Protein backbone atom coordinates (compact mmCIF):
# COMPACT_ATOMS: atom_id res chain seq x y z
CA MET A 1 99.23 78.51 90.98
CA LEU A 2 101.21 79.28 87.82
CA PHE A 3 99.00 77.86 85.10
CA HIS A 4 101.81 77.29 82.62
CA ASN A 5 103.66 74.93 84.98
CA LEU A 6 103.41 71.16 84.66
CA ALA A 7 102.48 70.98 88.35
CA PHE A 8 99.16 72.71 87.63
CA PHE A 9 98.16 70.10 85.06
CA LEU A 10 99.08 67.34 87.53
CA LEU A 11 97.20 68.91 90.43
CA PHE A 12 94.16 70.31 88.64
CA PRO A 13 92.57 66.91 87.85
CA PHE A 14 92.64 66.09 91.58
CA ALA A 15 90.82 69.35 92.32
CA VAL A 16 88.23 68.58 89.63
CA ALA A 17 87.77 65.06 91.01
CA ALA A 18 87.40 66.46 94.54
CA THR A 19 84.40 68.53 93.50
CA ARG A 20 82.70 65.40 92.11
CA MET A 21 83.40 62.89 94.87
CA ARG A 22 80.40 61.15 96.39
CA ILE A 23 81.09 62.55 99.81
CA SER A 24 79.57 65.46 101.70
CA TRP A 25 79.96 68.94 100.25
CA GLN A 26 81.62 70.00 103.51
CA ALA A 27 84.32 67.36 103.06
CA ARG A 28 84.85 68.37 99.43
CA LYS A 29 85.36 71.98 100.47
CA TRP A 30 87.98 70.92 103.01
CA ILE A 31 89.81 69.02 100.25
CA LEU A 32 89.81 72.17 98.09
CA VAL A 33 91.16 74.18 101.05
CA PHE A 34 94.04 71.74 101.64
CA LEU A 35 94.81 71.63 97.92
CA SER A 36 94.95 75.44 97.95
CA TYR A 37 97.33 75.40 100.92
CA PHE A 38 99.49 72.85 99.09
CA VAL A 39 99.57 75.10 96.02
CA VAL A 40 100.77 78.03 98.14
CA PHE A 41 103.49 75.87 99.68
CA TYR A 42 104.54 74.27 96.37
CA THR A 43 104.73 77.59 94.49
CA ALA A 44 106.68 79.41 97.21
CA TRP A 45 108.42 76.50 99.01
CA GLU A 46 107.96 78.42 102.24
CA PRO A 47 105.88 76.95 105.12
CA LEU A 48 105.77 80.41 106.77
CA PHE A 49 103.66 81.76 103.91
CA VAL A 50 101.08 79.02 104.41
CA GLY A 51 101.08 79.84 108.12
CA LEU A 52 100.34 83.50 107.33
CA VAL A 53 97.31 82.55 105.25
CA VAL A 54 96.00 80.20 107.96
CA ALA A 55 96.58 82.79 110.69
CA LEU A 56 94.89 85.55 108.72
CA THR A 57 91.95 83.26 108.00
CA CYS A 58 91.47 82.46 111.70
CA ILE A 59 91.87 86.09 112.80
CA ASP A 60 89.50 87.73 110.30
CA TRP A 61 86.86 84.99 110.48
CA THR A 62 86.80 85.45 114.25
CA VAL A 63 86.87 89.25 114.00
CA GLY A 64 83.96 89.22 111.54
CA ARG A 65 81.82 87.25 114.01
CA LYS A 66 82.89 89.51 116.88
CA ILE A 67 81.92 92.63 114.93
CA ALA A 68 78.50 91.15 114.14
CA THR A 69 77.78 90.26 117.78
CA ALA A 70 79.29 93.39 119.37
CA ARG A 71 76.76 95.38 121.41
CA THR A 72 78.21 98.86 121.02
CA LYS A 73 79.67 100.85 118.14
CA GLY A 74 82.90 101.23 120.12
CA GLN A 75 83.33 97.46 120.32
CA ARG A 76 82.62 97.05 116.61
CA LYS A 77 85.16 99.73 115.79
CA PHE A 78 87.74 98.11 118.11
CA PHE A 79 87.49 94.75 116.32
CA LEU A 80 87.63 96.46 112.91
CA ILE A 81 90.81 98.29 113.97
CA CYS A 82 92.27 94.94 115.03
CA SER A 83 91.63 93.52 111.56
CA LEU A 84 93.01 96.63 109.84
CA SER A 85 96.12 96.55 112.03
CA VAL A 86 96.85 92.89 111.30
CA ASN A 87 96.24 93.07 107.54
CA LEU A 88 97.90 96.41 106.90
CA GLY A 89 100.68 95.53 109.34
CA LEU A 90 101.49 92.33 107.42
CA LEU A 91 101.27 94.16 104.10
CA GLY A 92 103.42 97.02 105.36
CA TYR A 93 106.09 94.79 106.87
CA TYR A 94 106.53 92.42 103.95
CA LYS A 95 106.02 94.85 101.06
CA PHE A 96 107.35 98.15 102.43
CA HIS A 97 109.96 97.10 105.00
CA ASP A 98 112.96 97.84 102.76
CA PHE A 99 111.33 100.91 101.20
CA LEU A 100 110.65 102.55 104.58
CA LEU A 101 114.08 101.76 106.00
CA ASP A 102 115.92 103.02 102.91
CA ASN A 103 113.98 106.27 102.89
CA LEU A 104 114.38 106.69 106.64
CA SER A 105 118.13 106.25 106.27
CA GLY A 106 118.22 108.71 103.37
CA LEU A 107 116.22 111.30 105.33
CA ALA A 108 118.54 110.90 108.31
CA HIS A 109 121.59 111.58 106.13
CA VAL A 110 119.93 114.70 104.68
CA ILE A 111 119.43 116.23 108.12
CA GLY A 112 122.96 115.27 109.17
CA LEU A 113 122.34 112.14 111.22
CA ASP A 114 124.38 108.99 110.78
CA LEU A 115 121.61 106.40 111.08
CA GLU A 116 122.51 102.80 110.36
CA VAL A 117 119.56 100.57 109.56
CA ASN A 118 119.30 96.87 108.84
CA THR A 119 118.43 96.71 105.13
CA ALA A 120 118.30 92.92 104.90
CA SER A 121 115.74 92.10 102.25
CA VAL A 122 112.44 90.58 103.38
CA ALA A 123 110.90 87.98 101.09
CA ILE A 124 107.38 88.96 99.99
CA PRO A 125 104.80 86.20 100.61
CA LEU A 126 103.06 84.94 97.51
CA GLY A 127 99.89 86.89 96.64
CA ILE A 128 99.88 88.87 99.90
CA SER A 129 98.43 92.01 98.29
CA PHE A 130 95.49 90.06 96.92
CA TYR A 131 94.46 87.99 99.92
CA THR A 132 94.93 90.82 102.45
CA PHE A 133 92.67 93.04 100.32
CA GLN A 134 90.08 90.25 100.17
CA SER A 135 90.21 89.74 103.92
CA LEU A 136 90.02 93.49 104.57
CA SER A 137 86.98 93.88 102.35
CA TYR A 138 85.22 91.13 104.32
CA THR A 139 85.71 92.69 107.76
CA ILE A 140 84.88 96.18 106.48
CA ASP A 141 81.69 94.87 104.86
CA VAL A 142 80.68 93.13 108.10
CA TYR A 143 81.34 96.39 109.96
CA ARG A 144 79.09 98.16 107.46
CA GLY A 145 76.27 95.72 108.14
CA ARG A 146 76.71 92.63 105.98
CA PRO A 147 76.15 89.31 107.76
CA PRO A 148 79.33 87.43 108.77
CA CYS A 149 80.39 84.05 107.42
CA GLU A 150 79.29 81.34 109.84
CA SER A 151 81.32 78.52 108.25
CA PHE A 152 85.07 78.49 108.85
CA VAL A 153 85.77 76.22 105.87
CA ASP A 154 83.80 78.54 103.57
CA TYR A 155 85.88 81.50 104.69
CA ALA A 156 89.12 79.53 104.39
CA LEU A 157 88.21 78.56 100.83
CA PHE A 158 87.26 82.17 100.04
CA LEU A 159 90.68 83.42 101.13
CA ALA A 160 92.93 80.62 99.80
CA PHE A 161 91.07 79.43 96.65
CA PHE A 162 94.06 78.44 94.51
CA PRO A 163 92.99 79.51 90.98
CA ARG A 164 92.96 83.17 92.00
CA PHE A 165 95.45 83.10 94.90
CA VAL A 166 98.64 84.21 93.10
CA ALA A 167 97.38 87.24 91.17
CA GLY A 168 93.66 87.70 91.64
CA PRO A 169 91.13 88.73 90.64
CA ILE A 170 90.27 90.26 94.00
CA VAL A 171 87.01 88.60 94.99
CA ARG A 172 84.48 90.06 97.44
CA ALA A 173 82.94 87.85 100.10
CA ASN A 174 79.42 88.48 98.78
CA GLN A 175 80.57 87.26 95.35
CA PHE A 176 82.17 84.02 96.54
CA LEU A 177 80.68 82.84 99.83
CA PRO A 178 77.12 82.28 98.51
CA GLN A 179 78.63 79.81 96.01
CA CYS A 180 79.93 77.72 98.93
CA GLU A 181 76.49 77.05 100.37
CA ALA A 182 75.56 74.20 98.03
CA PRO A 183 77.48 71.84 95.72
CA PRO A 184 77.92 73.32 92.25
CA THR A 185 76.33 71.76 89.21
CA ILE A 186 78.74 71.55 86.30
CA ASP A 187 77.55 70.44 82.90
CA LEU A 188 79.80 69.56 79.97
CA GLU A 189 79.28 72.92 78.26
CA ARG A 190 80.33 74.85 81.35
CA PHE A 191 83.37 72.63 81.90
CA CYS A 192 84.49 73.00 78.27
CA SER A 193 84.01 76.76 78.54
CA GLY A 194 86.36 76.82 81.52
CA LEU A 195 88.96 74.70 79.72
CA SER A 196 88.87 76.99 76.70
CA LEU A 197 89.53 80.02 78.93
CA ILE A 198 92.54 78.23 80.47
CA ILE A 199 93.95 77.49 76.99
CA VAL A 200 93.41 81.06 75.77
CA GLY A 201 94.89 82.51 78.95
CA VAL A 202 98.00 80.32 78.88
CA PHE A 203 98.47 81.03 75.15
CA ALA A 204 98.22 84.79 75.76
CA LYS A 205 100.81 84.53 78.53
CA LEU A 206 103.35 82.14 76.99
CA GLU A 207 103.15 83.03 73.31
CA LEU A 208 102.10 86.68 73.08
CA ALA A 209 103.47 88.13 76.31
CA ASP A 210 106.61 86.00 76.79
CA ARG A 211 107.62 84.83 73.34
CA VAL A 212 106.64 87.73 71.08
CA LEU A 213 106.70 90.91 73.19
CA ARG A 214 108.89 90.36 76.22
CA PRO A 215 112.27 89.93 74.41
CA VAL A 216 111.68 93.08 72.36
CA VAL A 217 110.47 95.17 75.30
CA ASP A 218 113.36 94.03 77.52
CA ARG A 219 116.02 94.81 74.88
CA VAL A 220 114.51 98.14 73.89
CA PHE A 221 114.17 99.39 77.47
CA ALA A 222 117.71 98.24 78.27
CA ALA A 223 119.08 99.95 75.15
CA ALA A 224 117.06 103.10 75.86
CA LEU A 225 119.10 103.58 79.03
CA SER A 226 122.16 103.95 76.81
CA ASP A 227 122.74 106.28 73.88
CA GLY A 228 122.39 103.79 71.04
CA VAL A 229 118.63 103.49 70.60
CA GLY A 230 116.59 104.61 67.60
CA LEU A 231 113.33 106.51 67.73
CA PHE A 232 111.37 103.63 66.18
CA ASN A 233 112.88 101.20 68.67
CA VAL A 234 112.02 103.18 71.78
CA TRP A 235 108.45 103.93 70.68
CA THR A 236 107.91 100.30 69.74
CA GLY A 237 109.06 99.25 73.21
CA ILE A 238 106.91 101.85 74.95
CA LEU A 239 103.77 100.99 72.96
CA ALA A 240 104.35 97.22 73.12
CA TYR A 241 104.75 97.13 76.92
CA PRO A 242 101.03 97.72 77.72
CA CYS A 243 100.20 94.76 75.47
CA GLN A 244 102.82 92.59 77.15
CA LEU A 245 101.38 93.50 80.55
CA PHE A 246 97.83 92.92 79.29
CA PHE A 247 98.50 89.49 77.81
CA ASP A 248 100.45 88.50 80.92
CA PHE A 249 97.94 89.66 83.51
CA ALA A 250 94.72 89.18 81.54
CA GLY A 251 96.05 85.75 80.59
CA TYR A 252 96.37 84.85 84.27
CA SER A 253 92.92 86.26 85.08
CA MET A 254 91.34 84.37 82.18
CA ALA A 255 92.99 81.10 83.22
CA ALA A 256 91.93 81.68 86.84
CA ILE A 257 88.33 82.31 85.81
CA GLY A 258 88.42 79.21 83.58
CA ALA A 259 89.90 76.96 86.28
CA ALA A 260 87.35 78.18 88.82
CA ARG A 261 84.55 77.53 86.33
CA CYS A 262 85.73 73.95 85.85
CA LEU A 263 85.47 73.56 89.63
CA GLY A 264 81.97 75.06 89.66
CA PHE A 265 82.81 78.57 90.90
CA ASP A 266 82.39 81.93 89.20
CA LEU A 267 85.06 84.62 89.56
CA PRO A 268 84.40 88.24 88.52
CA GLN A 269 85.61 89.65 85.21
CA ASN A 270 88.95 91.43 85.60
CA PHE A 271 89.48 92.92 82.14
CA ASN A 272 86.98 94.24 79.62
CA LEU A 273 88.81 95.17 76.39
CA PRO A 274 90.72 98.03 78.10
CA PHE A 275 92.42 99.33 74.95
CA ALA A 276 89.04 100.41 73.59
CA ALA A 277 88.89 103.09 76.31
CA GLN A 278 88.35 106.64 75.09
CA SER A 279 89.75 108.18 78.27
CA VAL A 280 91.98 107.17 81.17
CA THR A 281 88.87 107.26 83.39
CA GLU A 282 87.23 104.66 81.16
CA PHE A 283 90.49 102.72 81.01
CA TRP A 284 90.36 102.13 84.76
CA ARG A 285 86.80 100.86 84.42
CA ARG A 286 88.08 98.22 82.03
CA TRP A 287 91.58 97.39 83.38
CA HIS A 288 92.13 95.31 86.54
CA ILE A 289 88.47 95.86 87.35
CA SER A 290 88.54 94.01 90.67
CA LEU A 291 91.30 96.31 92.02
CA SER A 292 89.69 99.45 90.57
CA MET A 293 86.37 98.64 92.25
CA TRP A 294 88.12 97.75 95.55
CA ILE A 295 90.06 101.03 95.56
CA ARG A 296 86.90 102.97 94.70
CA ASP A 297 84.76 101.41 97.45
CA TYR A 298 87.28 101.21 100.30
CA VAL A 299 89.68 104.12 99.67
CA TYR A 300 88.27 106.73 97.29
CA MET A 301 84.69 106.87 98.65
CA PRO A 302 85.76 107.12 102.34
CA LEU A 303 88.30 109.81 101.42
CA THR A 304 85.69 111.75 99.46
CA MET A 305 83.25 111.57 102.37
CA TRP A 306 85.99 112.71 104.77
CA PHE A 307 86.79 115.74 102.60
CA ALA A 308 83.06 116.48 102.21
CA LYS A 309 82.56 116.53 106.00
CA ARG A 310 85.47 118.93 106.43
CA THR A 311 84.12 121.14 103.65
CA ARG A 312 80.69 121.40 105.27
CA ARG A 313 82.34 123.01 108.31
CA VAL A 314 83.48 125.92 106.15
CA PRO A 315 80.96 128.83 106.05
CA ALA A 316 78.85 128.96 102.90
CA GLY A 317 80.39 131.08 100.21
CA ARG A 318 83.07 131.13 97.58
CA ALA A 319 85.61 129.29 99.75
CA ARG A 320 83.29 126.32 100.25
CA ASP A 321 82.41 126.26 96.54
CA MET A 322 86.11 125.99 95.72
CA LEU A 323 86.94 123.46 98.43
CA ARG A 324 84.17 121.02 97.51
CA PRO A 325 85.60 119.96 94.10
CA ALA A 326 89.15 120.41 95.39
CA GLY A 327 88.53 117.75 98.05
CA SER A 328 87.17 115.34 95.47
CA PHE A 329 90.15 115.88 93.18
CA ALA A 330 92.59 115.51 96.09
CA ALA A 331 90.89 112.21 96.95
CA VAL A 332 91.48 111.02 93.37
CA VAL A 333 95.20 111.87 93.44
CA ILE A 334 95.74 110.38 96.92
CA THR A 335 93.81 107.24 96.00
CA MET A 336 95.77 106.68 92.79
CA GLY A 337 99.05 107.38 94.60
CA LEU A 338 98.18 104.67 97.14
CA MET A 339 97.19 102.36 94.30
CA GLY A 340 100.61 102.92 92.72
CA LEU A 341 102.28 102.14 96.06
CA TRP A 342 100.20 98.93 96.27
CA HIS A 343 101.86 97.82 93.04
CA GLY A 344 105.35 98.14 94.48
CA ALA A 345 107.47 99.86 97.13
CA LEU A 346 109.20 102.23 94.70
CA TRP A 347 108.90 105.97 94.16
CA THR A 348 108.37 105.28 90.48
CA MET A 349 105.22 103.35 91.41
CA VAL A 350 104.00 106.22 93.58
CA LEU A 351 104.56 108.66 90.71
CA TYR A 352 102.85 106.23 88.34
CA GLY A 353 99.74 106.36 90.52
CA ILE A 354 99.91 110.12 91.03
CA GLY A 355 100.33 110.61 87.27
CA HIS A 356 97.13 108.67 86.67
CA GLY A 357 95.43 110.67 89.41
CA LEU A 358 96.38 113.97 87.77
CA VAL A 359 95.14 112.77 84.37
CA LEU A 360 91.85 111.62 85.95
CA THR A 361 91.52 115.05 87.58
CA VAL A 362 92.04 116.84 84.26
CA GLU A 363 89.44 114.59 82.61
CA ALA A 364 86.99 115.26 85.47
CA LEU A 365 87.46 119.03 85.04
CA ARG A 366 86.83 118.71 81.30
CA GLU A 367 83.71 116.67 82.00
CA ARG A 368 82.41 119.31 84.42
CA SER A 369 82.85 122.00 81.79
CA ARG A 370 80.86 119.94 79.26
CA ARG A 371 77.85 119.29 81.49
CA THR A 372 76.09 122.39 80.17
CA LYS A 373 76.10 120.94 76.65
CA LEU A 374 73.46 118.58 75.36
CA PRO A 375 74.66 114.93 75.30
CA ASP A 376 75.26 113.30 71.95
CA PRO A 377 72.12 111.24 71.19
CA ARG A 378 74.29 108.79 69.23
CA PRO A 379 77.58 108.23 71.05
CA ARG A 380 80.34 107.54 68.56
CA THR A 381 83.58 105.66 68.85
CA LYS A 382 86.32 108.28 68.74
CA ILE A 383 89.45 106.69 67.32
CA HIS A 384 91.63 109.71 68.11
CA ALA A 385 90.56 109.53 71.79
CA ILE A 386 91.35 105.78 71.90
CA VAL A 387 94.80 106.35 70.40
CA ALA A 388 95.51 109.27 72.74
CA THR A 389 94.46 107.21 75.76
CA TYR A 390 96.68 104.31 74.72
CA VAL A 391 99.68 106.63 74.29
CA ILE A 392 99.11 108.31 77.68
CA VAL A 393 98.78 104.94 79.42
CA SER A 394 101.92 103.69 77.63
CA LEU A 395 103.99 106.69 78.67
CA LEU A 396 102.87 106.40 82.29
CA LEU A 397 103.71 102.68 82.27
CA VAL A 398 107.34 103.66 81.71
CA LEU A 399 107.28 104.62 85.40
CA PHE A 400 105.63 101.30 86.24
CA ARG A 401 108.46 99.40 84.59
CA SER A 402 111.37 101.53 85.78
CA ALA A 403 113.18 100.91 89.06
CA ARG A 404 114.45 104.50 89.25
CA ILE A 405 112.93 107.85 88.33
CA GLN A 406 116.09 108.67 86.37
CA ASP A 407 115.55 105.59 84.18
CA ALA A 408 112.03 106.72 83.30
CA LEU A 409 113.27 110.23 82.50
CA THR A 410 115.97 108.80 80.24
CA ILE A 411 113.46 106.69 78.29
CA TRP A 412 111.05 109.63 77.94
CA HIS A 413 113.94 111.76 76.71
CA HIS A 414 114.72 109.25 73.97
CA ALA A 415 111.04 109.13 73.04
CA VAL A 416 110.50 112.88 72.69
CA GLY A 417 114.01 114.18 72.15
CA ALA A 418 115.94 114.47 68.92
CA ALA A 419 117.02 110.91 68.17
CA ALA A 420 120.38 110.29 66.57
CA MET A 421 118.89 107.58 64.37
CA LEU A 422 115.48 106.29 63.34
CA VAL A 423 116.18 102.58 63.86
CA SER A 424 119.01 101.05 65.87
CA PRO A 425 121.32 98.93 63.66
CA ASP A 426 120.96 95.51 65.29
CA ASP A 427 119.40 92.12 64.64
CA LEU A 428 116.19 93.06 66.45
CA PHE A 429 114.47 94.66 63.45
CA PRO A 430 112.26 91.69 62.41
CA SER A 431 111.06 91.25 65.98
CA LEU A 432 110.51 95.00 66.22
CA ILE A 433 108.16 94.89 63.25
CA VAL A 434 106.14 92.08 64.85
CA ALA A 435 106.11 93.90 68.21
CA ALA A 436 104.89 97.05 66.45
CA ILE A 437 102.07 95.18 64.71
CA VAL A 438 100.77 93.46 67.86
CA PRO A 439 99.56 96.68 69.61
CA CYS A 440 97.84 97.81 66.41
CA VAL A 441 96.01 94.50 66.03
CA THR A 442 95.19 94.33 69.76
CA VAL A 443 93.73 97.84 69.84
CA ALA A 444 91.76 97.15 66.64
CA VAL A 445 90.22 93.99 68.13
CA HIS A 446 89.34 95.84 71.33
CA VAL A 447 87.71 98.66 69.38
CA LEU A 448 85.66 96.24 67.28
CA GLY A 449 84.35 94.56 70.44
CA ARG A 450 84.11 97.79 72.43
CA ASN A 451 80.44 97.40 73.38
CA SER A 452 80.81 93.74 74.31
CA ASN A 453 83.37 91.64 76.19
CA PHE A 454 85.76 88.83 75.36
CA GLU A 455 83.52 85.98 76.45
CA SER A 456 80.57 87.30 74.43
CA LEU A 457 82.78 87.68 71.37
CA TRP A 458 84.25 84.20 71.91
CA SER A 459 80.87 82.53 72.37
CA SER A 460 79.44 84.30 69.31
CA CYS A 461 82.03 82.63 67.06
CA PRO A 462 80.86 79.47 65.26
CA PRO A 463 81.99 76.27 67.03
CA VAL A 464 84.17 75.38 64.04
CA VAL A 465 86.08 78.65 64.35
CA THR A 466 86.61 78.37 68.11
CA GLY A 467 87.66 74.74 67.69
CA LEU A 468 90.23 75.66 65.03
CA LEU A 469 91.56 78.52 67.15
CA LEU A 470 91.90 76.33 70.23
CA GLY A 471 93.57 73.62 68.16
CA PHE A 472 96.02 76.15 66.75
CA MET A 473 96.81 77.46 70.26
CA LEU A 474 97.40 73.97 71.60
CA PHE A 475 99.64 73.16 68.63
CA VAL A 476 101.73 76.30 69.14
CA LEU A 477 101.93 75.68 72.89
CA SER A 478 103.15 72.14 72.20
CA LEU A 479 106.04 73.61 70.21
CA TYR A 480 107.01 75.99 73.00
CA HIS A 481 109.63 74.15 75.00
CA GLY A 482 110.39 76.85 77.57
CA GLY A 483 108.73 77.08 80.96
CA GLY A 484 107.81 80.72 80.49
CA ASN A 485 108.52 83.60 82.80
CA GLY A 486 106.65 84.20 86.02
CA PHE A 487 103.45 86.20 85.88
CA ILE A 488 104.31 89.89 86.39
CA TYR A 489 101.49 90.45 88.90
CA ALA A 490 102.50 87.40 90.93
CA GLY A 491 105.10 89.67 92.52
CA PHE A 492 102.44 91.94 93.96
């Protein structure tokens, strides 16, 4: 559900009322499931997408029970492979259909074959990356020994729960399913807390991401692909884009967590002041946390174990000593490359992930070299490390935003090459100044709250302050007459 749409504010009261009806908890859960299916249909206007969610729910709920009752390891592995094939097959077909065909056609032309392929575009189902990852984590966890979900409606609600359906956060079964066992108790304080998160999230999306940063970033990146862009312009666009992405995606996550809280459910934190990170490694512990943890547990750790097993077959000696860390570093680069591909079927996305993997490898090597030194008894906040991390992340996000590698190279060239002018002579200058200030203020706020999180900082404010801030946000939102742009991560 897109929280800035009028439809959400018309539907949400029905969902809140459903959780408080004087009927059985089982019936209330079914109402929430059907409301979630309606949200999927309304947002996408495509019955097929609802059918995919229902089919995936039936398949993986059944597979989970089959894995738990299987008598042999071979049977358990067979059912797990069935789940992996269905989920990854759906993800591969809908997200990578065009990408694979285009590259296959290009490869055929390189080797001299005239291969004609059908490149008709395939529409990507809403939120497919998020709910397939949730469903996969469930069956893998059952295979690893966790008990299966016995209630079909609980599993259906877990997979289709509408506040987080479009763009996460990615919720694990052990985080959500226990909350379905008994009716939630929602007091006024908890409900108001959820509403405040919705307001803050929508404000961050509509006002900061869409109204302040997006026009500047769009114009700067478009101008950077030509020859008439100033050095100040291009760096403002590059450094403002991480903030635009943060306010867009963190705004959705915050609104999703708030809406779920109003309904009596808790969703995991997805962002923890990421621009206070002093390294790219720390950045990924704070940014899109639910994806980072998923990738770590289900891709990186299995890859590391696979490399470790292969290394143990090598005779003891110098070769094994070199292969052991090499396998771990290769697992990092492969994992981050796959994470980049998850974000989009483009080579720029793959390079975006690989770039992060290489930076993480360099940081791991530096950390290994420092292990012989005594740790600092009083860890300090290193501003230069925070600034360097922000700049590295910003430069890598140029790949994230570019459709072609050549576009990213052109923008980087304008950023580091000899610019013909400092500032482009256009009417964008006042907006540029605002867009340049926003990253500075955002990073400063993150640094000040580095050892805390947003909710702790928000709750520590006096009620008068939070009331005034929420009133101001509502007033500004009432003046915003546009419908806003779609959430960036809704396309994933």
